[in-house]
PDB file of N, CA and C in Angstrom:
ATOM      1  N   MET A   1     192.239 110.305 124.441  1.00  0.00           N
ATOM      2  CA  MET A   1     192.826 110.635 122.820  1.00  0.00           C
ATOM      3  C   MET A   1     192.776 109.246 121.639  1.00  0.00           C
ATOM      4  N   CYS A   2     193.292 108.423 122.254  1.00  0.00           N
ATOM      5  CA  CYS A   2     193.166 107.064 121.832  1.00  0.00           C
ATOM      6  C   CYS A   2     192.167 106.700 120.938  1.00  0.00           C
ATOM      7  N   MET A   3     190.979 106.516 121.626  1.00  0.00           N
ATOM      8  CA  MET A   3     189.414 106.260 120.817  1.00  0.00           C
ATOM      9  C   MET A   3     189.550 107.388 119.971  1.00  0.00           C
ATOM     10  N   LEU A   4     189.234 108.442 120.477  1.00  0.00           N
ATOM     11  CA  LEU A   4     189.182 109.039 119.335  1.00  0.00           C
ATOM     12  C   LEU A   4     190.008 108.660 117.592  1.00  0.00           C
ATOM     13  N   PHE A   5     191.270 108.434 117.920  1.00  0.00           N
ATOM     14  CA  PHE A   5     191.941 108.020 116.762  1.00  0.00           C
ATOM     15  C   PHE A   5     191.377 106.592 116.016  1.00  0.00           C
ATOM     16  N   PHE A   6     190.444 106.250 117.243  1.00  0.00           N
ATOM     17  CA  PHE A   6     190.132 104.842 116.685  1.00  0.00           C
ATOM     18  C   PHE A   6     188.642 105.158 115.908  1.00  0.00           C
ATOM     19  N   ILE A   7     188.039 105.875 116.346  1.00  0.00           N
ATOM     20  CA  ILE A   7     186.766 106.464 115.930  1.00  0.00           C
ATOM     21  C   ILE A   7     186.955 107.504 114.604  1.00  0.00           C
ATOM     22  N   ILE A   8     187.845 107.725 114.685  1.00  0.00           N
ATOM     23  CA  ILE A   8     188.018 108.319 113.051  1.00  0.00           C
ATOM     24  C   ILE A   8     188.773 107.337 112.017  1.00  0.00           C
ATOM     25  N   LEU A   9     189.397 106.291 112.150  1.00  0.00           N
ATOM     26  CA  LEU A   9     189.445 105.415 111.450  1.00  0.00           C
ATOM     27  C   LEU A   9     188.669 104.550 111.302  1.00  0.00           C
ATOM     28  N   ALA A  10     187.771 104.140 111.821  1.00  0.00           N
ATOM     29  CA  ALA A  10     186.518 103.856 111.949  1.00  0.00           C
ATOM     30  C   ALA A  10     185.612 104.192 110.801  1.00  0.00           C
ATOM     31  N   CYS A  11     185.398 105.849 110.915  1.00  0.00           N
ATOM     32  CA  CYS A  11     184.434 106.320 109.869  1.00  0.00           C
ATOM     33  C   CYS A  11     185.443 106.057 108.584  1.00  0.00           C
ATOM     34  N   MET A  12     186.516 106.663 108.621  1.00  0.00           N
ATOM     35  CA  MET A  12     187.277 106.397 107.283  1.00  0.00           C
ATOM     36  C   MET A  12     187.096 105.232 106.740  1.00  0.00           C
ATOM     37  N   LEU A  13     186.837 103.935 107.770  1.00  0.00           N
ATOM     38  CA  LEU A  13     186.691 102.626 106.993  1.00  0.00           C
ATOM     39  C   LEU A  13     185.118 102.829 106.408  1.00  0.00           C
ATOM     40  N   LEU A  14     184.492 103.080 107.307  1.00  0.00           N
ATOM     41  CA  LEU A  14     183.422 103.094 106.956  1.00  0.00           C
ATOM     42  C   LEU A  14     182.764 103.697 105.675  1.00  0.00           C
ATOM     43  N   GLY A  15     183.247 104.816 105.363  1.00  0.00           N
ATOM     44  CA  GLY A  15     183.326 105.564 104.217  1.00  0.00           C
ATOM     45  C   GLY A  15     183.514 105.379 102.808  1.00  0.00           C
ATOM     46  N   TRP A  16     185.129 104.385 103.397  1.00  0.00           N
ATOM     47  CA  TRP A  16     185.402 103.819 102.158  1.00  0.00           C
ATOM     48  C   TRP A  16     184.667 102.700 101.424  1.00  0.00           C
ATOM     49  N   LEU A  17     184.333 101.891 102.367  1.00  0.00           N
ATOM     50  CA  LEU A  17     183.529 100.198 102.558  1.00  0.00           C
ATOM     51  C   LEU A  17     181.717 100.999 101.534  1.00  0.00           C
ATOM     52  N   ILE A  18     181.784 102.402 101.948  1.00  0.00           N
ATOM     53  CA  ILE A  18     180.294 102.468 101.799  1.00  0.00           C
ATOM     54  C   ILE A  18     180.047 102.817  99.956  1.00  0.00           C
ATOM     55  N   MET A  19     181.910 103.762  99.821  1.00  0.00           N
ATOM     56  CA  MET A  19     181.920 104.191  98.383  1.00  0.00           C
ATOM     57  C   MET A  19     181.977 103.255  97.009  1.00  0.00           C
ATOM     58  N   MET A  20     182.565 101.883  98.243  1.00  0.00           N
ATOM     59  CA  MET A  20     182.986 100.929  97.382  1.00  0.00           C
ATOM     60  C   MET A  20     181.643 100.117  96.686  1.00  0.00           C
ATOM     61  N   THR A  21     180.688  99.643  97.699  1.00  0.00           N
ATOM     62  CA  THR A  21     179.819  98.877  97.500  1.00  0.00           C
ATOM     63  C   THR A  21     179.010  99.439  96.323  1.00  0.00           C
ATOM     64  N   GLY A  22     178.858 100.815  95.740  1.00  0.00           N
ATOM     65  CA  GLY A  22     177.882 101.089  95.115  1.00  0.00           C
ATOM     66  C   GLY A  22     176.946 101.847  95.121  1.00  0.00           C
ATOM     67  N   PRO A  23     176.064 102.568  94.068  1.00  0.00           N
ATOM     68  CA  PRO A  23     174.909 103.652  94.640  1.00  0.00           C
ATOM     69  C   PRO A  23     173.672 103.044  95.823  1.00  0.00           C
ATOM     70  N   LEU A  24     173.385 101.837  95.353  1.00  0.00           N
ATOM     71  CA  LEU A  24     172.368 101.318  96.034  1.00  0.00           C
ATOM     72  C   LEU A  24     172.651 100.753  96.962  1.00  0.00           C
ATOM     73  N   ILE A  25     173.548  99.896  97.751  1.00  0.00           N
ATOM     74  CA  ILE A  25     173.906  99.437  98.740  1.00  0.00           C
ATOM     75  C   ILE A  25     174.512 100.396  99.442  1.00  0.00           C
ATOM     76  N   GLY A  26     174.881 101.625  98.983  1.00  0.00           N
ATOM     77  CA  GLY A  26     175.879 102.419  99.607  1.00  0.00           C
ATOM     78  C   GLY A  26     174.481 103.542  99.935  1.00  0.00           C
ATOM     79  N   GLY A  27     173.895 103.635  99.440  1.00  0.00           N
ATOM     80  CA  GLY A  27     172.291 104.250  99.578  1.00  0.00           C
ATOM     81  C   GLY A  27     171.613 103.962 101.069  1.00  0.00           C
ATOM     82  N   ILE A  28     171.488 102.241 100.674  1.00  0.00           N
ATOM     83  CA  ILE A  28     170.910 101.979 102.292  1.00  0.00           C
ATOM     84  C   ILE A  28     171.231 101.898 103.094  1.00  0.00           C
ATOM     85  N   ILE A  29     172.758 101.459 103.208  1.00  0.00           N
ATOM     86  CA  ILE A  29     173.064 101.766 103.973  1.00  0.00           C
ATOM     87  C   ILE A  29     173.630 102.716 104.764  1.00  0.00           C
ATOM     88  N   THR A  30     173.580 103.918 104.192  1.00  0.00           N
ATOM     89  CA  THR A  30     173.397 105.635 104.588  1.00  0.00           C
ATOM     90  C   THR A  30     172.357 105.594 105.205  1.00  0.00           C
ATOM     91  N   PHE A  31     171.385 105.626 104.365  1.00  0.00           N
ATOM     92  CA  PHE A  31     170.269 105.291 104.976  1.00  0.00           C
ATOM     93  C   PHE A  31     169.797 104.783 106.136  1.00  0.00           C
ATOM     94  N   GLY A  32     170.190 104.031 106.605  1.00  0.00           N
ATOM     95  CA  GLY A  32     169.961 103.113 107.735  1.00  0.00           C
ATOM     96  C   GLY A  32     170.835 103.493 108.979  1.00  0.00           C
ATOM     97  N   ILE A  33     172.324 104.529 108.674  1.00  0.00           N
ATOM     98  CA  ILE A  33     172.919 104.988 109.698  1.00  0.00           C
ATOM     99  C   ILE A  33     172.347 106.317 109.993  1.00  0.00           C
ATOM    100  N   VAL A  34     171.895 107.002 109.103  1.00  0.00           N
ATOM    101  CA  VAL A  34     171.150 108.142 109.250  1.00  0.00           C
ATOM    102  C   VAL A  34     169.945 108.131 110.102  1.00  0.00           C
ATOM    103  N   VAL A  35     169.107 107.446 109.889  1.00  0.00           N
ATOM    104  CA  VAL A  35     167.935 106.918 110.550  1.00  0.00           C
ATOM    105  C   VAL A  35     168.020 106.530 111.730  1.00  0.00           C
ATOM    106  N   GLY A  36     168.635 105.501 112.058  1.00  0.00           N
ATOM    107  CA  GLY A  36     169.430 105.263 113.184  1.00  0.00           C
ATOM    108  C   GLY A  36     169.734 106.435 114.165  1.00  0.00           C
ATOM    109  N   CYS A  37     170.810 107.027 113.560  1.00  0.00           N
ATOM    110  CA  CYS A  37     170.915 108.067 114.686  1.00  0.00           C
ATOM    111  C   CYS A  37     169.565 108.996 114.752  1.00  0.00           C
ATOM    112  N   LEU A  38     169.149 109.728 114.080  1.00  0.00           N
ATOM    113  CA  LEU A  38     167.923 110.425 114.450  1.00  0.00           C
ATOM    114  C   LEU A  38     166.824 109.570 114.940  1.00  0.00           C
ATOM    115  N   PHE A  39     166.718 108.071 115.654  1.00  0.00           N
ATOM    116  CA  PHE A  39     166.099 107.766 116.157  1.00  0.00           C
ATOM    117  C   PHE A  39     166.503 107.771 117.307  1.00  0.00           C
ATOM    118  N   ARG A  40     168.309 107.199 117.649  1.00  0.00           N
ATOM    119  CA  ARG A  40     168.460 107.540 118.570  1.00  0.00           C
ATOM    120  C   ARG A  40     168.628 108.770 119.582  1.00  0.00           C
ATOM    121  N   GLY A  41     168.858 109.637 118.816  1.00  0.00           N
ATOM    122  CA  GLY A  41     168.517 110.983 119.395  1.00  0.00           C
ATOM    123  C   GLY A  41     167.315 111.518 119.599  1.00  0.00           C
ATOM    124  N   LEU A  42     166.278 110.899 118.791  1.00  0.00           N
ATOM    125  CA  LEU A  42     164.291 111.262 119.279  1.00  0.00           C
ATOM    126  C   LEU A  42     164.553 110.582 121.129  1.00  0.00           C
ATOM    127  N   PHE A  43     164.966 109.471 121.004  1.00  0.00           N
ATOM    128  CA  PHE A  43     164.548 108.651 122.288  1.00  0.00           C
ATOM    129  C   PHE A  43     165.807 108.824 123.282  1.00  0.00           C
ATOM    130  N   LEU A  44     166.628 109.484 123.177  1.00  0.00           N
ATOM    131  CA  LEU A  44     167.325 110.435 124.395  1.00  0.00           C
ATOM    132  C   LEU A  44     166.674 111.622 124.899  1.00  0.00           C
ATOM    133  N   ILE A  45     166.401 112.291 123.659  1.00  0.00           N
ATOM    134  CA  ILE A  45     165.482 113.315 124.208  1.00  0.00           C
ATOM    135  C   ILE A  45     164.098 113.151 124.787  1.00  0.00           C
ATOM    136  N   SER A  46     163.817 111.880 124.349  1.00  0.00           N
ATOM    137  CA  SER A  46     162.592 111.825 125.286  1.00  0.00           C
ATOM    138  C   SER A  46     163.147 111.456 127.020  1.00  0.00           C
ATOM    139  N   GLU A  47     163.789 110.196 126.791  1.00  0.00           N
ATOM    140  CA  GLU A  47     164.305 110.432 128.229  1.00  0.00           C
ATOM    141  C   GLU A  47     164.836 111.406 128.935  1.00  0.00           C
ATOM    142  N   ILE A  48     165.372 112.400 128.474  1.00  0.00           N
ATOM    143  CA  ILE A  48     165.402 113.994 129.178  1.00  0.00           C
ATOM    144  C   ILE A  48     164.544 114.445 129.443  1.00  0.00           C
ATOM    145  N   HIS A  49     163.808 114.086 128.713  1.00  0.00           N
ATOM    146  CA  HIS A  49     162.282 115.093 128.773  1.00  0.00           C
ATOM    147  C   HIS A  49     161.610 114.219 130.210  1.00  0.00           C
ATOM    148  N   LYS A  50     161.619 113.095 130.023  1.00  0.00           N
ATOM    149  CA  LYS A  50     161.000 112.330 130.939  1.00  0.00           C
ATOM    150  C   LYS A  50     162.107 112.706 132.463  1.00  0.00           C
ATOM    151  N   GLN A  51     162.585 112.660 132.047  1.00  0.00           N
ATOM    152  CA  GLN A  51     163.490 112.979 133.613  1.00  0.00           C
ATOM    153  C   GLN A  51     163.279 114.531 134.338  1.00  0.00           C
ATOM    154  N   ILE A  52     163.529 115.630 133.111  1.00  0.00           N
ATOM    155  CA  ILE A  52     163.097 116.908 133.796  1.00  0.00           C
ATOM    156  C   ILE A  52     162.241 116.865 134.343  1.00  0.00           C
ATOM    157  N   VAL A  53     160.558 116.195 133.872  1.00  0.00           N
ATOM    158  CA  VAL A  53     159.543 116.253 134.113  1.00  0.00           C
ATOM    159  C   VAL A  53     159.277 115.304 135.578  1.00  0.00           C
ATOM    160  N   LYS A  54     160.145 114.946 135.469  1.00  0.00           N
ATOM    161  CA  LYS A  54     159.582 113.985 137.119  1.00  0.00           C
ATOM    162  C   LYS A  54     160.601 114.340 137.890  1.00  0.00           C
ATOM    163  N   ASP A  55     161.342 115.254 137.542  1.00  0.00           N
ATOM    164  CA  ASP A  55     162.386 116.195 138.974  1.00  0.00           C
ATOM    165  C   ASP A  55     161.297 117.508 139.111  1.00  0.00           C
ATOM    166  N   GLU A  56     160.855 117.950 138.234  1.00  0.00           N
ATOM    167  CA  GLU A  56     159.729 119.606 138.279  1.00  0.00           C
ATOM    168  C   GLU A  56     158.756 118.866 139.519  1.00  0.00           C
ATOM    169  N   ARG A  57     157.952 117.542 139.066  1.00  0.00           N
ATOM    170  CA  ARG A  57     157.035 116.856 139.879  1.00  0.00           C
ATOM    171  C   ARG A  57     157.339 117.006 141.193  1.00  0.00           C
ATOM    172  N   GLU A  58     158.630 116.032 141.268  1.00  0.00           N
ATOM    173  CA  GLU A  58     159.106 116.053 142.776  1.00  0.00           C
ATOM    174  C   GLU A  58     159.490 117.110 143.460  1.00  0.00           C
ATOM    175  N   ARG A  59     160.021 118.300 142.792  1.00  0.00           N
ATOM    176  CA  ARG A  59     160.120 119.671 143.574  1.00  0.00           C
ATOM    177  C   ARG A  59     158.815 120.504 143.557  1.00  0.00           C
ATOM    178  N   ASP A  60     157.909 120.196 142.810  1.00  0.00           N
ATOM    179  CA  ASP A  60     156.440 121.369 143.546  1.00  0.00           C
ATOM    180  C   ASP A  60     156.055 120.470 144.328  1.00  0.00           C
ATOM    181  N   LEU A  61     156.290 118.481 144.537  1.00  0.00           N
ATOM    182  CA  LEU A  61     155.405 118.557 145.576  1.00  0.00           C
ATOM    183  C   LEU A  61     156.304 118.541 146.677  1.00  0.00           C
ATOM    184  N   ASP A  62     157.464 118.180 147.092  1.00  0.00           N
ATOM    185  CA  ASP A  62     158.482 119.061 147.964  1.00  0.00           C
ATOM    186  C   ASP A  62     158.393 120.657 148.558  1.00  0.00           C
ATOM    187  N   SER A  63     157.319 121.592 147.624  1.00  0.00           N
ATOM    188  CA  SER A  63     157.150 122.811 147.976  1.00  0.00           C
ATOM    189  C   SER A  63     155.828 122.980 148.212  1.00  0.00           C
ATOM    190  N   ASP A  64     154.810 122.165 147.751  1.00  0.00           N
ATOM    191  CA  ASP A  64     153.052 122.152 148.347  1.00  0.00           C
ATOM    192  C   ASP A  64     153.748 121.738 150.070  1.00  0.00           C
ATOM    193  N   MET A  65     154.575 120.735 150.099  1.00  0.00           N
ATOM    194  CA  MET A  65     154.511 120.013 151.388  1.00  0.00           C
ATOM    195  C   MET A  65     155.251 121.262 152.510  1.00  0.00           C
ATOM    196  N   ASP A  66     156.169 121.941 152.471  1.00  0.00           N
ATOM    197  CA  ASP A  66     156.418 122.769 152.402  1.00  0.00           C
ATOM    198  C   ASP A  66     155.666 124.532 153.161  1.00  0.00           C
ATOM    199  N   GLU A  67     154.881 124.292 152.774  1.00  0.00           N
ATOM    200  CA  GLU A  67     153.507 125.094 152.386  1.00  0.00           C
ATOM    201  C   GLU A  67     152.701 124.917 153.285  1.00  0.00           C
ATOM    202  N   ARG A  68     152.334 123.559 152.934  1.00  0.00           N
ATOM    203  CA  ARG A  68     151.245 122.968 154.109  1.00  0.00           C
ATOM    204  C   ARG A  68     151.633 122.889 155.731  1.00  0.00           C
ATOM    205  N   SER A  69     152.675 122.847 155.805  1.00  0.00           N
ATOM    206  CA  SER A  69     153.226 122.695 157.363  1.00  0.00           C
ATOM    207  C   SER A  69     153.520 123.960 158.067  1.00  0.00           C
ATOM    208  N   PHE A  70     153.288 125.443 157.221  1.00  0.00           N
ATOM    209  CA  PHE A  70     153.321 126.391 158.213  1.00  0.00           C
ATOM    210  C   PHE A  70     151.635 126.713 158.235  1.00  0.00           C
TER     211      PHE A  70
END
C-alpha cells in the first residue's frame, strides 16, 4: 500500500515537472516515456511468446516419446 502511494506521488511530481518545462521539452519527455513503455511492452510480449513456444515444444516432444514407447 505504501509503494502505491509513492508511485502516485512520483507520477504527480513528474506530471507537474512536464507541465512546467514547456511544450517542446515536455513533449520530448512525454514522447520518450510513451515510446519507452511501448518498447518495454513489446519486449515483455516477445519474452512471453518465447516461453510459451518453448513449453509447447517440450510438451510435444514428451508426447511423441510417450507414443513411441508403446
